């Protein structure tokens, strides 16, 4: 899949998302030197489709899709509840630029993997509030799930993982709406 096809697929996945319930934000495009810095710090080359997605060609660096505060309030510090109630967003991780928060950056997620003892995976997707689970690619380009340091190779494209996570996010929002109504 090339960068254009990847971006089209991601936008197709987001098409049915109700903008009154969710918002999507992104950082400015990454430069070639920004991308090179990530590759140097992780020792892993970004797949071409990701490179094109985060640079000026795709202009979707650090794409975060999350429930609007008014329909799914962010949890308060020390709040207790079912785990899923904290999973109110999905991020396609990005390359650090001036307006990309750390929580949306590939290098910060990579450091989390290194803390788990995993250093050969490039993290690309995370669910907000679910610190033990990341999706990415290995050196051969295969999609992987890293769950609490355990790496599982998946037989799907990273865009399929993103589609599944966005679908699950929409379902969690419906569940949260029911929870808040009661």
C-alpha atoms as a PDB file:
ATOM      1  CA  UNK A   1       0.000   0.000   0.000  1.00  0.00           C
ATOM      2  CA  UNK A   2       1.399   3.394  -0.887  1.00  0.00           C
ATOM      3  CA  UNK A   3       0.947   6.609   1.096  1.00  0.00           C
ATOM      4  CA  UNK A   4      -1.948   7.876  -1.001  1.00  0.00           C
ATOM      5  CA  UNK A   5      -3.835   4.586  -0.688  1.00  0.00           C
ATOM      6  CA  UNK A   6      -3.132   4.470   3.050  1.00  0.00           C
ATOM      7  CA  UNK A   7      -4.475   7.995   3.582  1.00  0.00           C
ATOM      8  CA  UNK A   8      -7.553   7.238   1.470  1.00  0.00           C
ATOM      9  CA  UNK A   9      -8.172   4.081   3.528  1.00  0.00           C
ATOM     10  CA  UNK A  10      -7.825   5.959   6.830  1.00  0.00           C
ATOM     11  CA  UNK A  11     -10.221   8.685   5.670  1.00  0.00           C
ATOM     12  CA  UNK A  12     -12.647   6.000   4.462  1.00  0.00           C
ATOM     13  CA  UNK A  13     -12.510   4.404   7.932  1.00  0.00           C
ATOM     14  CA  UNK A  14     -13.284   7.766   9.554  1.00  0.00           C
ATOM     15  CA  UNK A  15     -16.083   8.676   7.106  1.00  0.00           C
ATOM     16  CA  UNK A  16     -18.958   7.154   9.152  1.00  0.00           C
ATOM     17  CA  UNK A  17     -17.765   8.737  12.410  1.00  0.00           C
ATOM     18  CA  UNK A  18     -20.261  11.335  13.655  1.00  0.00           C
ATOM     19  CA  UNK A  19     -18.453  14.663  14.030  1.00  0.00           C
ATOM     20  CA  UNK A  20     -20.946  15.770  16.683  1.00  0.00           C
ATOM     21  CA  UNK A  21     -19.658  12.915  18.873  1.00  0.00           C
ATOM     22  CA  UNK A  22     -15.999  12.749  17.852  1.00  0.00           C
ATOM     23  CA  UNK A  23     -13.279  15.055  16.720  1.00  0.00           C
ATOM     24  CA  UNK A  24     -10.078  14.369  14.850  1.00  0.00           C
ATOM     25  CA  UNK A  25      -6.942  16.442  15.211  1.00  0.00           C
ATOM     26  CA  UNK A  26      -3.489  16.221  13.724  1.00  0.00           C
ATOM     27  CA  UNK A  27      -0.162  17.966  14.024  1.00  0.00           C
ATOM     28  CA  UNK A  28       1.687  19.792  11.300  1.00  0.00           C
ATOM     29  CA  UNK A  29       3.425  17.686   8.679  1.00  0.00           C
ATOM     30  CA  UNK A  30       6.789  16.171   9.545  1.00  0.00           C
ATOM     31  CA  UNK A  31       9.849  17.081   7.500  1.00  0.00           C
ATOM     32  CA  UNK A  32      12.304  14.568   6.091  1.00  0.00           C
ATOM     33  CA  UNK A  33      14.741  15.507   8.862  1.00  0.00           C
ATOM     34  CA  UNK A  34      12.034  14.972  11.519  1.00  0.00           C
ATOM     35  CA  UNK A  35      11.379  11.510  10.069  1.00  0.00           C
ATOM     36  CA  UNK A  36      15.105  10.736   9.894  1.00  0.00           C
ATOM     37  CA  UNK A  37      15.454  11.665  13.578  1.00  0.00           C
ATOM     38  CA  UNK A  38      12.744   9.147  14.543  1.00  0.00           C
ATOM     39  CA  UNK A  39      14.378   6.466  12.425  1.00  0.00           C
ATOM     40  CA  UNK A  40      17.756   7.201  14.015  1.00  0.00           C
ATOM     41  CA  UNK A  41      16.382   7.152  17.574  1.00  0.00           C
ATOM     42  CA  UNK A  42      14.430   3.915  17.099  1.00  0.00           C
ATOM     43  CA  UNK A  43      16.748   2.186  14.652  1.00  0.00           C
ATOM     44  CA  UNK A  44      13.665   1.300  12.589  1.00  0.00           C
ATOM     45  CA  UNK A  45      12.741   2.775   9.222  1.00  0.00           C
ATOM     46  CA  UNK A  46       9.204   4.104   8.851  1.00  0.00           C
ATOM     47  CA  UNK A  47       7.230   2.191   6.217  1.00  0.00           C
ATOM     48  CA  UNK A  48       6.807   4.294   3.069  1.00  0.00           C
ATOM     49  CA  UNK A  49       3.031   4.535   3.576  1.00  0.00           C
ATOM     50  CA  UNK A  50       3.542   5.968   7.090  1.00  0.00           C
ATOM     51  CA  UNK A  51       6.298   8.283   5.896  1.00  0.00           C
ATOM     52  CA  UNK A  52       3.913   9.681   3.271  1.00  0.00           C
ATOM     53  CA  UNK A  53       1.059   9.874   5.778  1.00  0.00           C
ATOM     54  CA  UNK A  54       2.958  12.045   8.275  1.00  0.00           C
ATOM     55  CA  UNK A  55       4.812  14.276   5.813  1.00  0.00           C
ATOM     56  CA  UNK A  56       3.414  17.046   3.619  1.00  0.00           C
ATOM     57  CA  UNK A  57       2.121  14.478   1.105  1.00  0.00           C
ATOM     58  CA  UNK A  58      -0.383  13.033   3.596  1.00  0.00           C
ATOM     59  CA  UNK A  59      -0.438  15.839   6.175  1.00  0.00           C
ATOM     60  CA  UNK A  60      -1.963  13.588   8.865  1.00  0.00           C
ATOM     61  CA  UNK A  61       0.877  13.500  11.391  1.00  0.00           C
ATOM     62  CA  UNK A  62      -0.244  12.193  14.788  1.00  0.00           C
ATOM     63  CA  UNK A  63      -3.896  11.757  13.786  1.00  0.00           C
ATOM     64  CA  UNK A  64      -5.985  11.457  16.954  1.00  0.00           C
ATOM     65  CA  UNK A  65      -9.699  10.646  16.914  1.00  0.00           C
ATOM     66  CA  UNK A  66     -11.502  10.963  20.214  1.00  0.00           C
ATOM     67  CA  UNK A  67     -14.887  11.471  21.801  1.00  0.00           C
ATOM     68  CA  UNK A  68     -15.886  15.055  22.399  1.00  0.00           C
ATOM     69  CA  UNK A  69     -15.726  16.139  26.020  1.00  0.00           C
ATOM     70  CA  UNK A  70     -19.435  16.993  26.111  1.00  0.00           C
ATOM     71  CA  UNK A  71     -20.482  13.446  25.109  1.00  0.00           C
ATOM     72  CA  UNK A  72     -17.790  11.489  26.952  1.00  0.00           C
ATOM     73  CA  UNK A  73     -16.029  13.485  29.656  1.00  0.00           C
ATOM     74  CA  UNK A  74     -12.364  12.744  30.248  1.00  0.00           C
ATOM     75  CA  UNK A  75     -11.841  10.727  33.428  1.00  0.00           C
ATOM     76  CA  UNK A  76     -10.844  12.640  36.506  1.00  0.00           C
ATOM     77  CA  UNK A  77      -7.631  11.839  38.339  1.00  0.00           C
ATOM     78  CA  UNK A  78      -8.043   8.772  40.594  1.00  0.00           C
ATOM     79  CA  UNK A  79     -11.474   8.028  39.099  1.00  0.00           C
ATOM     80  CA  UNK A  80     -12.439   4.361  39.254  1.00  0.00           C
ATOM     81  CA  UNK A  81     -14.497   2.577  36.621  1.00  0.00           C
ATOM     82  CA  UNK A  82     -14.444  -0.222  34.076  1.00  0.00           C
ATOM     83  CA  UNK A  83     -11.276  -0.073  31.957  1.00  0.00           C
ATOM     84  CA  UNK A  84     -13.161   0.614  28.707  1.00  0.00           C
ATOM     85  CA  UNK A  85     -14.572   3.856  30.155  1.00  0.00           C
ATOM     86  CA  UNK A  86     -11.061   5.325  29.962  1.00  0.00           C
ATOM     87  CA  UNK A  87     -10.515   4.344  26.290  1.00  0.00           C
ATOM     88  CA  UNK A  88     -12.055   7.414  24.636  1.00  0.00           C
ATOM     89  CA  UNK A  89      -9.698   7.877  21.700  1.00  0.00           C
ATOM     90  CA  UNK A  90      -7.450   6.232  19.119  1.00  0.00           C
ATOM     91  CA  UNK A  91      -4.217   7.732  17.810  1.00  0.00           C
ATOM     92  CA  UNK A  92      -2.182   6.971  14.721  1.00  0.00           C
ATOM     93  CA  UNK A  93       1.123   7.969  16.262  1.00  0.00           C
ATOM     94  CA  UNK A  94       3.214  10.660  14.628  1.00  0.00           C
ATOM     95  CA  UNK A  95       6.656  12.123  14.214  1.00  0.00           C
ATOM     96  CA  UNK A  96       7.604  14.844  16.726  1.00  0.00           C
ATOM     97  CA  UNK A  97       7.058  18.392  15.502  1.00  0.00           C
ATOM     98  CA  UNK A  98       6.370  21.547  17.509  1.00  0.00           C
ATOM     99  CA  UNK A  99       2.617  20.939  17.909  1.00  0.00           C
ATOM    100  CA  UNK A 100       2.615  17.146  18.412  1.00  0.00           C
ATOM    101  CA  UNK A 101       2.003  16.201  22.063  1.00  0.00           C
ATOM    102  CA  UNK A 102       4.248  13.521  23.565  1.00  0.00           C
ATOM    103  CA  UNK A 103       1.307  11.133  23.981  1.00  0.00           C
ATOM    104  CA  UNK A 104       0.905  11.079  20.191  1.00  0.00           C
ATOM    105  CA  UNK A 105       4.556  10.559  19.283  1.00  0.00           C
ATOM    106  CA  UNK A 106       6.209   7.443  17.941  1.00  0.00           C
ATOM    107  CA  UNK A 107       9.405   7.960  20.009  1.00  0.00           C
ATOM    108  CA  UNK A 108       7.491   8.239  23.313  1.00  0.00           C
ATOM    109  CA  UNK A 109       5.524   5.077  22.545  1.00  0.00           C
ATOM    110  CA  UNK A 110       8.758   3.408  21.438  1.00  0.00           C
ATOM    111  CA  UNK A 111      10.321   4.210  24.821  1.00  0.00           C
ATOM    112  CA  UNK A 112       7.321   2.563  26.464  1.00  0.00           C
ATOM    113  CA  UNK A 113       8.022  -0.566  24.403  1.00  0.00           C
ATOM    114  CA  UNK A 114      11.700  -0.450  25.357  1.00  0.00           C
ATOM    115  CA  UNK A 115      10.604  -0.346  29.015  1.00  0.00           C
ATOM    116  CA  UNK A 116       8.751  -3.620  28.291  1.00  0.00           C
ATOM    117  CA  UNK A 117      11.953  -5.045  26.778  1.00  0.00           C
ATOM    118  CA  UNK A 118      10.742  -4.682  23.180  1.00  0.00           C
ATOM    119  CA  UNK A 119      13.056  -2.661  20.942  1.00  0.00           C
ATOM    120  CA  UNK A 120      12.440  -4.049  17.455  1.00  0.00           C
ATOM    121  CA  UNK A 121       8.877  -2.763  16.933  1.00  0.00           C
ATOM    122  CA  UNK A 122       7.836   0.619  15.532  1.00  0.00           C
ATOM    123  CA  UNK A 123       4.638   1.622  17.398  1.00  0.00           C
ATOM    124  CA  UNK A 124       1.930   3.146  15.204  1.00  0.00           C
ATOM    125  CA  UNK A 125      -1.464   2.893  16.950  1.00  0.00           C
ATOM    126  CA  UNK A 126      -2.578   3.273  20.528  1.00  0.00           C
ATOM    127  CA  UNK A 127      -5.893   3.472  22.335  1.00  0.00           C
ATOM    128  CA  UNK A 128      -6.123   6.284  24.857  1.00  0.00           C
ATOM    129  CA  UNK A 129      -5.928   5.064  28.435  1.00  0.00           C
ATOM    130  CA  UNK A 130      -4.749   1.573  27.466  1.00  0.00           C
ATOM    131  CA  UNK A 131      -1.065   1.866  28.281  1.00  0.00           C
ATOM    132  CA  UNK A 132      -0.229  -1.802  27.924  1.00  0.00           C
ATOM    133  CA  UNK A 133      -1.375  -2.250  24.333  1.00  0.00           C
ATOM    134  CA  UNK A 134       0.179  -0.857  21.148  1.00  0.00           C
ATOM    135  CA  UNK A 135       0.092  -1.894  17.498  1.00  0.00           C
ATOM    136  CA  UNK A 136       2.919  -1.369  15.086  1.00  0.00           C
ATOM    137  CA  UNK A 137       5.200  -3.033  12.601  1.00  0.00           C
ATOM    138  CA  UNK A 138       8.320  -5.130  12.927  1.00  0.00           C
ATOM    139  CA  UNK A 139      11.446  -4.837  10.779  1.00  0.00           C
ATOM    140  CA  UNK A 140       9.918  -6.997   8.039  1.00  0.00           C
ATOM    141  CA  UNK A 141       6.846  -4.744   7.893  1.00  0.00           C
ATOM    142  CA  UNK A 142       4.442  -7.212   9.501  1.00  0.00           C
ATOM    143  CA  UNK A 143       1.717  -5.802  11.718  1.00  0.00           C
ATOM    144  CA  UNK A 144       2.128  -6.684  15.377  1.00  0.00           C
ATOM    145  CA  UNK A 145       0.278  -6.274  18.647  1.00  0.00           C
ATOM    146  CA  UNK A 146       2.340  -5.612  21.749  1.00  0.00           C
ATOM    147  CA  UNK A 147       0.350  -6.408  24.872  1.00  0.00           C
ATOM    148  CA  UNK A 148       2.216  -5.844  28.141  1.00  0.00           C
ATOM    149  CA  UNK A 149       5.514  -6.628  26.419  1.00  0.00           C
ATOM    150  CA  UNK A 150       4.276  -9.748  24.609  1.00  0.00           C
ATOM    151  CA  UNK A 151       4.613  -9.421  20.813  1.00  0.00           C
ATOM    152  CA  UNK A 152       2.112 -11.164  18.529  1.00  0.00           C
ATOM    153  CA  UNK A 153       2.420 -11.006  14.738  1.00  0.00           C
ATOM    154  CA  UNK A 154      -0.971 -10.336  13.133  1.00  0.00           C
ATOM    155  CA  UNK A 155      -2.012 -11.391   9.652  1.00  0.00           C
ATOM    156  CA  UNK A 156      -3.661  -8.051   8.834  1.00  0.00           C
ATOM    157  CA  UNK A 157      -2.623  -4.635   7.564  1.00  0.00           C
ATOM    158  CA  UNK A 158      -2.129  -1.838  10.087  1.00  0.00           C
ATOM    159  CA  UNK A 159      -5.064  -0.037   8.422  1.00  0.00           C
ATOM    160  CA  UNK A 160      -7.285  -3.022   9.311  1.00  0.00           C
ATOM    161  CA  UNK A 161      -6.226  -2.700  12.944  1.00  0.00           C
ATOM    162  CA  UNK A 162      -7.072   1.008  12.792  1.00  0.00           C
ATOM    163  CA  UNK A 163     -10.498   0.228  11.308  1.00  0.00           C
ATOM    164  CA  UNK A 164     -11.192  -2.258  14.089  1.00  0.00           C
ATOM    165  CA  UNK A 165     -10.106   0.186  16.792  1.00  0.00           C
ATOM    166  CA  UNK A 166     -12.238   3.017  15.367  1.00  0.00           C
ATOM    167  CA  UNK A 167     -15.248   0.666  15.201  1.00  0.00           C
ATOM    168  CA  UNK A 168     -14.637  -0.344  18.822  1.00  0.00           C
ATOM    169  CA  UNK A 169     -14.262   3.325  19.814  1.00  0.00           C
ATOM    170  CA  UNK A 170     -17.659   4.131  18.269  1.00  0.00           C
ATOM    171  CA  UNK A 171     -19.215   1.217  20.160  1.00  0.00           C
ATOM    172  CA  UNK A 172     -17.600   2.315  23.433  1.00  0.00           C
ATOM    173  CA  UNK A 173     -19.055   5.792  22.893  1.00  0.00           C
ATOM    174  CA  UNK A 174     -22.541   4.285  22.517  1.00  0.00           C
ATOM    175  CA  UNK A 175     -21.983   2.250  25.675  1.00  0.00           C
ATOM    176  CA  UNK A 176     -20.802   5.370  27.500  1.00  0.00           C
ATOM    177  CA  UNK A 177     -23.865   7.325  26.329  1.00  0.00           C
ATOM    178  CA  UNK A 178     -26.074   4.603  27.826  1.00  0.00           C
ATOM    179  CA  UNK A 179     -24.017   4.612  31.023  1.00  0.00           C
ATOM    180  CA  UNK A 180     -24.275   8.402  31.368  1.00  0.00           C
ATOM    181  CA  UNK A 181     -28.031   8.308  30.684  1.00  0.00           C
ATOM    182  CA  UNK A 182     -28.640   5.940  33.614  1.00  0.00           C
END
